[in-house]
């Protein structure tokens, strides 16, 4: 089965201006002293195209870290192969603190089970600076199909197995696997239709070319408010405060259901511990900043701060959960 992540265009937040400078010496990089970051820009790689929740979080964090560390942090979008292109580029980068990765669980925990030859290992290629935030995924339908809740969707799918279809944009995105997790729990068959990117996938839902799609909160909320799509469930364990009328999938008969986009800040393995610690402290300070929190919450993104020490256990647990689903559903990258 195929699928990937949607990247519905958002108003651009803009890249921070980059500046040129000589690289710090190896001794400076390894010491992690006050010279970091110097006037050399720090690049945060986002392994998805501009637009959508991953890009949004990456840009918010670039601006916030720049303020906290009095440095120049820029976003570099490197999409491709369900995020593995961007991840591979960071795995090969010099571990000096000047190349970072805004990772999402669709790549750091799911893609390893779909792309075994991606050229790096998630557990050994990166050091975790820590988790940042989580974004809900809304289970959405086209309003014209007359489905108003999850029970109605399940009944309609069971009445006509294989007649309904859901939109996807490639293999291994959070939304793709969230859909498969729901279909398995509900015991229903809805056919996957793959599109070349998130924007055409969501457009297909709007035009009723497909009837169902899992849509990340950043993209879904304005379309829900405009009446172009109808949300019938949200993938978090608690209702979303920006759409409190939408029940969780868990409370709609699927106890314990949870499938979200989880963002984390990573660096190449071997990045000096003092630099990792400094970045982790700056990340935590940014996540206590009311302005940063408000920007995230306005887009239904909730902070889930984590430490470098907590990262390995979290990564293993997330990978185990999604690896089991991928095997059970027979999902491939083909």
Protein backbone atom coordinates (compact mmCIF):
# COMPACT_ATOMS: atom_id res chain seq x y z
CA UNK A 1 0.00 0.00 0.00
CA UNK A 2 1.14 3.52 -0.68
CA UNK A 3 1.02 6.88 0.99
CA UNK A 4 2.92 9.84 2.19
CA UNK A 5 2.39 13.18 3.86
CA UNK A 6 0.37 16.16 2.74
CA UNK A 7 1.99 19.52 2.30
CA UNK A 8 -0.86 21.97 1.82
CA UNK A 9 0.61 25.40 1.10
CA UNK A 10 0.61 27.80 4.05
CA UNK A 11 1.45 31.46 4.11
CA UNK A 12 5.23 31.54 4.22
CA UNK A 13 6.86 32.38 7.51
CA UNK A 14 10.04 33.18 5.62
CA UNK A 15 13.60 31.94 5.99
CA UNK A 16 15.78 33.83 8.35
CA UNK A 17 18.53 35.63 6.50
CA UNK A 18 21.72 33.60 6.24
CA UNK A 19 25.13 35.06 6.82
CA UNK A 20 28.55 33.90 5.75
CA UNK A 21 31.32 33.20 8.21
CA UNK A 22 34.33 31.02 8.68
CA UNK A 23 33.73 27.70 10.40
CA UNK A 24 34.71 27.47 14.04
CA UNK A 25 37.84 25.49 14.71
CA UNK A 26 37.59 21.82 15.68
CA UNK A 27 38.65 22.75 19.21
CA UNK A 28 35.84 25.29 19.45
CA UNK A 29 33.25 22.82 18.16
CA UNK A 30 34.36 20.10 20.58
CA UNK A 31 34.48 22.41 23.56
CA UNK A 32 30.97 23.73 23.03
CA UNK A 33 32.06 27.04 24.56
CA UNK A 34 30.35 30.39 24.38
CA UNK A 35 31.50 30.80 20.77
CA UNK A 36 28.67 28.48 19.69
CA UNK A 37 26.86 29.51 17.67
CA UNK A 38 29.21 31.98 16.06
CA UNK A 39 28.15 34.28 13.22
CA UNK A 40 28.05 31.20 10.99
CA UNK A 41 24.43 30.11 10.29
CA UNK A 42 23.02 26.96 11.86
CA UNK A 43 20.95 24.98 9.35
CA UNK A 44 17.84 23.11 10.46
CA UNK A 45 16.99 20.54 7.79
CA UNK A 46 13.27 19.88 7.31
CA UNK A 47 12.89 16.73 5.26
CA UNK A 48 9.48 17.70 3.84
CA UNK A 49 8.44 20.39 1.39
CA UNK A 50 7.42 23.86 2.52
CA UNK A 51 3.94 23.94 4.02
CA UNK A 52 2.34 21.50 6.44
CA UNK A 53 3.02 20.94 10.10
CA UNK A 54 6.66 19.76 9.93
CA UNK A 55 7.77 22.81 7.98
CA UNK A 56 5.76 25.08 10.26
CA UNK A 57 7.35 23.69 13.43
CA UNK A 58 10.81 23.87 11.86
CA UNK A 59 10.42 27.56 11.07
CA UNK A 60 9.02 28.40 14.50
CA UNK A 61 11.95 26.61 16.13
CA UNK A 62 14.53 28.27 13.87
CA UNK A 63 13.30 31.69 14.91
CA UNK A 64 13.03 30.73 18.58
CA UNK A 65 16.48 29.13 18.79
CA UNK A 66 17.98 32.12 17.02
CA UNK A 67 16.60 34.37 19.71
CA UNK A 68 17.61 32.11 22.60
CA UNK A 69 21.19 31.62 21.39
CA UNK A 70 21.68 34.98 19.69
CA UNK A 71 22.50 33.13 16.49
CA UNK A 72 21.37 32.74 12.91
CA UNK A 73 19.23 29.61 12.39
CA UNK A 74 17.89 28.89 8.88
CA UNK A 75 15.53 26.25 7.49
CA UNK A 76 16.57 24.06 4.57
CA UNK A 77 13.76 21.97 3.04
CA UNK A 78 15.10 18.69 1.61
CA UNK A 79 12.08 16.52 0.75
CA UNK A 80 12.03 13.10 -0.86
CA UNK A 81 11.45 9.39 -0.15
CA UNK A 82 9.17 9.96 2.84
CA UNK A 83 11.69 12.22 4.51
CA UNK A 84 14.68 9.89 4.24
CA UNK A 85 16.54 12.15 1.79
CA UNK A 86 16.74 14.95 4.35
CA UNK A 87 17.59 12.57 7.18
CA UNK A 88 20.39 10.98 5.16
CA UNK A 89 21.91 14.39 4.45
CA UNK A 90 22.08 15.19 8.16
CA UNK A 91 23.46 11.74 8.99
CA UNK A 92 26.39 12.57 6.67
CA UNK A 93 26.87 16.13 7.97
CA UNK A 94 29.82 17.27 10.06
CA UNK A 95 28.85 16.80 13.75
CA UNK A 96 29.71 20.32 14.86
CA UNK A 97 26.30 21.68 15.82
CA UNK A 98 25.84 23.66 12.61
CA UNK A 99 23.57 21.13 10.89
CA UNK A 100 20.47 19.99 12.78
CA UNK A 101 17.34 18.04 11.84
CA UNK A 102 13.70 18.74 12.61
CA UNK A 103 12.51 15.14 12.56
CA UNK A 104 8.99 13.73 12.57
CA UNK A 105 8.02 10.21 13.61
CA UNK A 106 6.86 9.30 10.12
CA UNK A 107 10.54 9.31 9.18
CA UNK A 108 12.53 8.54 12.32
CA UNK A 109 10.22 5.73 13.50
CA UNK A 110 8.22 4.53 10.48
CA UNK A 111 10.40 4.84 7.37
CA UNK A 112 13.03 2.44 8.70
CA UNK A 113 10.46 -0.34 8.20
CA UNK A 114 9.73 0.74 4.61
CA UNK A 115 13.14 1.87 3.33
CA UNK A 116 15.74 -0.60 4.66
CA UNK A 117 18.41 0.73 2.27
CA UNK A 118 18.07 4.40 3.18
CA UNK A 119 21.79 4.71 4.01
CA UNK A 120 21.67 5.37 7.75
CA UNK A 121 20.38 3.88 11.00
CA UNK A 122 18.08 6.06 13.11
CA UNK A 123 19.45 4.80 16.41
CA UNK A 124 23.14 5.32 15.60
CA UNK A 125 23.21 8.15 13.03
CA UNK A 126 21.68 10.83 15.27
CA UNK A 127 21.75 12.16 18.80
CA UNK A 128 18.45 13.36 20.20
CA UNK A 129 18.33 16.94 21.43
CA UNK A 130 14.78 16.16 22.48
CA UNK A 131 11.14 16.03 21.54
CA UNK A 132 9.40 19.31 20.76
CA UNK A 133 5.69 19.01 20.06
CA UNK A 134 2.87 16.88 18.74
CA UNK A 135 0.30 17.63 16.03
CA UNK A 136 -3.11 15.99 15.79
CA UNK A 137 -4.40 14.30 12.67
CA UNK A 138 -8.07 14.73 11.82
CA UNK A 139 -10.09 11.94 10.23
CA UNK A 140 -11.95 13.85 7.52
CA UNK A 141 -14.61 13.12 4.93
CA UNK A 142 -16.08 15.03 2.03
CA UNK A 143 -19.31 16.68 3.27
CA UNK A 144 -21.24 15.49 0.21
CA UNK A 145 -21.12 11.81 1.16
CA UNK A 146 -23.56 12.34 4.03
CA UNK A 147 -21.35 10.90 6.78
CA UNK A 148 -21.47 12.87 10.02
CA UNK A 149 -19.57 10.68 12.47
CA UNK A 150 -17.22 7.73 12.72
CA UNK A 151 -20.04 5.24 13.23
CA UNK A 152 -21.58 6.46 9.97
CA UNK A 153 -18.29 6.04 8.13
CA UNK A 154 -17.82 2.51 9.43
CA UNK A 155 -21.39 1.59 8.47
CA UNK A 156 -21.01 3.05 4.97
CA UNK A 157 -17.72 1.23 4.40
CA UNK A 158 -19.13 -2.09 5.59
CA UNK A 159 -22.20 -1.67 3.39
CA UNK A 160 -20.04 -1.29 0.28
CA UNK A 161 -16.61 -2.85 0.87
CA UNK A 162 -13.92 -1.36 -1.37
CA UNK A 163 -16.24 1.26 -2.87
CA UNK A 164 -14.87 4.15 -0.84
CA UNK A 165 -11.34 5.52 -1.21
CA UNK A 166 -8.92 7.54 0.87
CA UNK A 167 -6.22 9.96 -0.26
CA UNK A 168 -2.53 9.52 0.37
CA UNK A 169 0.63 11.17 -0.87
CA UNK A 170 3.16 8.34 -0.60
CA UNK A 171 4.30 5.55 1.70
CA UNK A 172 5.04 5.95 5.37
CA UNK A 173 3.70 9.33 6.43
CA UNK A 174 2.07 9.80 9.82
CA UNK A 175 -1.31 10.32 8.15
CA UNK A 176 -0.94 7.26 5.94
CA UNK A 177 -0.20 4.96 8.83
CA UNK A 178 -2.85 6.61 11.00
CA UNK A 179 -5.39 5.71 8.31
CA UNK A 180 -4.18 2.13 8.20
CA UNK A 181 -4.28 1.91 11.99
CA UNK A 182 -7.89 3.09 11.93
CA UNK A 183 -8.93 0.71 9.13
CA UNK A 184 -7.44 -2.21 11.03
CA UNK A 185 -9.20 -1.22 14.27
CA UNK A 186 -12.53 -0.70 12.48
CA UNK A 187 -12.28 -3.85 10.37
CA UNK A 188 -13.22 -2.01 7.20
CA UNK A 189 -11.82 -1.78 3.67
CA UNK A 190 -11.27 1.63 2.08
CA UNK A 191 -9.08 1.79 -1.00
CA UNK A 192 -5.91 3.84 -1.06
CA UNK A 193 -5.45 6.38 -3.86
CA UNK A 194 -1.96 7.87 -4.07
CA UNK A 195 -1.28 11.46 -5.15
CA UNK A 196 1.96 13.25 -5.90
CA UNK A 197 2.06 15.38 -2.79
CA UNK A 198 -0.09 16.54 0.08
CA UNK A 199 -1.79 19.43 -1.70
CA UNK A 200 -3.32 17.31 -4.49
CA UNK A 201 -4.32 14.67 -1.94
CA UNK A 202 -6.30 17.21 0.09
CA UNK A 203 -7.71 18.74 -3.11
CA UNK A 204 -8.99 15.30 -4.07
CA UNK A 205 -10.88 15.14 -0.78
CA UNK A 206 -12.35 18.60 -1.33
CA UNK A 207 -13.62 17.67 -4.80
CA UNK A 208 -14.93 14.25 -3.66
CA UNK A 209 -12.49 12.42 -5.90
CA UNK A 210 -11.82 10.48 -2.71
CA UNK A 211 -14.16 10.34 0.26
CA UNK A 212 -11.78 10.05 3.23
CA UNK A 213 -8.40 11.40 4.33
CA UNK A 214 -6.36 11.85 7.47
CA UNK A 215 -5.28 15.51 7.46
CA UNK A 216 -2.81 17.16 9.83
CA UNK A 217 -4.15 19.92 12.02
CA UNK A 218 -2.27 22.79 10.38
CA UNK A 219 -3.91 21.97 7.05
CA UNK A 220 -7.27 20.69 8.28
CA UNK A 221 -8.44 23.47 10.58
CA UNK A 222 -8.97 26.26 8.01
CA UNK A 223 -10.61 23.83 5.57
CA UNK A 224 -12.93 22.58 8.33
CA UNK A 225 -13.88 26.14 9.23
CA UNK A 226 -14.58 26.91 5.57
CA UNK A 227 -16.84 23.86 5.27
CA UNK A 228 -14.71 22.31 2.53
CA UNK A 229 -14.03 19.15 4.50
CA UNK A 230 -15.76 17.60 7.52
CA UNK A 231 -13.77 16.25 10.45
CA UNK A 232 -15.42 13.32 12.24
CA UNK A 233 -12.61 12.38 14.61
CA UNK A 234 -9.22 13.43 15.91
CA UNK A 235 -6.31 11.09 16.50
CA UNK A 236 -5.18 12.39 19.90
CA UNK A 237 -6.35 10.95 23.22
CA UNK A 238 -7.92 14.28 24.17
CA UNK A 239 -10.12 16.58 22.10
CA UNK A 240 -8.39 19.44 20.35
CA UNK A 241 -9.11 22.82 21.97
CA UNK A 242 -9.41 24.52 18.57
CA UNK A 243 -12.09 22.04 17.48
CA UNK A 244 -13.53 20.81 20.77
CA UNK A 245 -16.74 19.66 19.08
CA UNK A 246 -14.84 16.92 17.21
CA UNK A 247 -14.68 13.69 19.27
CA UNK A 248 -11.51 11.68 19.54
CA UNK A 249 -11.32 8.43 17.62
CA UNK A 250 -10.64 6.75 20.96
CA UNK A 251 -13.92 7.93 22.48
CA UNK A 252 -15.81 6.94 19.33
CA UNK A 253 -15.48 3.22 20.00
CA UNK A 254 -11.75 2.69 19.47
CA UNK A 255 -10.35 2.85 22.97
CA UNK A 256 -6.68 3.76 23.17
CA UNK A 257 -6.43 4.87 19.53
CA UNK A 258 -3.62 7.40 19.14
CA UNK A 259 -1.69 8.40 16.03
CA UNK A 260 0.00 11.77 15.88
CA UNK A 261 2.83 13.62 14.19
CA UNK A 262 5.62 13.88 16.77
CA UNK A 263 8.41 16.38 16.20
CA UNK A 264 11.93 16.24 17.60
CA UNK A 265 15.21 18.11 17.20
CA UNK A 266 18.16 15.89 16.27
CA UNK A 267 21.83 16.32 15.43
CA UNK A 268 24.40 14.09 13.72
CA UNK A 269 25.91 11.43 15.98
CA UNK A 270 29.17 12.65 17.43
CA UNK A 271 28.00 16.21 18.01
CA UNK A 272 29.86 17.35 21.16
CA UNK A 273 27.89 16.87 24.36
CA UNK A 274 28.28 20.52 25.48
CA UNK A 275 26.70 21.69 22.22
CA UNK A 276 23.87 19.16 22.55
CA UNK A 277 23.27 20.35 26.12
CA UNK A 278 23.27 23.99 25.04
CA UNK A 279 20.80 23.30 22.24
CA UNK A 280 18.57 21.27 24.58
CA UNK A 281 18.51 24.10 27.12
CA UNK A 282 17.69 26.63 24.40
CA UNK A 283 14.92 24.38 23.02
CA UNK A 284 13.39 24.03 26.49
CA UNK A 285 13.58 27.78 27.06
CA UNK A 286 11.91 28.38 23.69
CA UNK A 287 9.12 25.97 24.63
CA UNK A 288 8.44 28.04 27.76
CA UNK A 289 8.19 31.25 25.74
CA UNK A 290 4.53 32.37 25.67
CA UNK A 291 4.88 33.75 22.13
CA UNK A 292 6.24 30.45 20.80
CA UNK A 293 3.58 28.43 22.63
CA UNK A 294 0.82 30.64 21.27
CA UNK A 295 2.04 30.29 17.68
CA UNK A 296 2.07 26.52 18.04
CA UNK A 297 -1.30 26.30 19.77
CA UNK A 298 -2.95 28.52 17.15
CA UNK A 299 -2.12 25.71 14.73
CA UNK A 300 -3.31 22.95 17.11
CA UNK A 301 0.27 21.89 17.92
CA UNK A 302 0.94 21.01 21.56
CA UNK A 303 4.35 21.07 23.29
CA UNK A 304 5.80 17.73 24.37
CA UNK A 305 9.28 18.66 25.61
CA UNK A 306 11.78 15.87 26.00
CA UNK A 307 15.42 15.53 26.99
CA UNK A 308 18.41 13.99 25.20
CA UNK A 309 18.44 11.25 27.85
CA UNK A 310 14.83 10.27 27.14
CA UNK A 311 15.29 10.07 23.38
CA UNK A 312 16.65 6.50 22.88
CA UNK A 313 13.82 4.80 24.80
CA UNK A 314 11.16 6.91 23.09
CA UNK A 315 12.60 6.16 19.65
CA UNK A 316 12.61 2.41 20.30
CA UNK A 317 9.01 2.40 21.56
CA UNK A 318 7.71 4.47 18.64
CA UNK A 319 9.54 2.31 16.11
CA UNK A 320 8.20 -0.90 17.67
CA UNK A 321 4.60 0.36 17.56
CA UNK A 322 4.64 1.37 13.90
CA UNK A 323 6.80 -1.52 12.73
CA UNK A 324 4.17 -3.94 14.04
CA UNK A 325 1.40 -2.11 12.13
CA UNK A 326 3.41 -2.00 8.89
CA UNK A 327 4.02 -5.74 9.03
CA UNK A 328 0.43 -6.56 10.00
CA UNK A 329 -1.04 -4.48 7.16
CA UNK A 330 1.54 -5.54 4.59
CA UNK A 331 2.43 -1.91 3.85
CA UNK A 332 5.32 -1.37 1.46
CA UNK A 333 6.98 1.58 -0.22
CA UNK A 334 6.11 0.20 -3.65
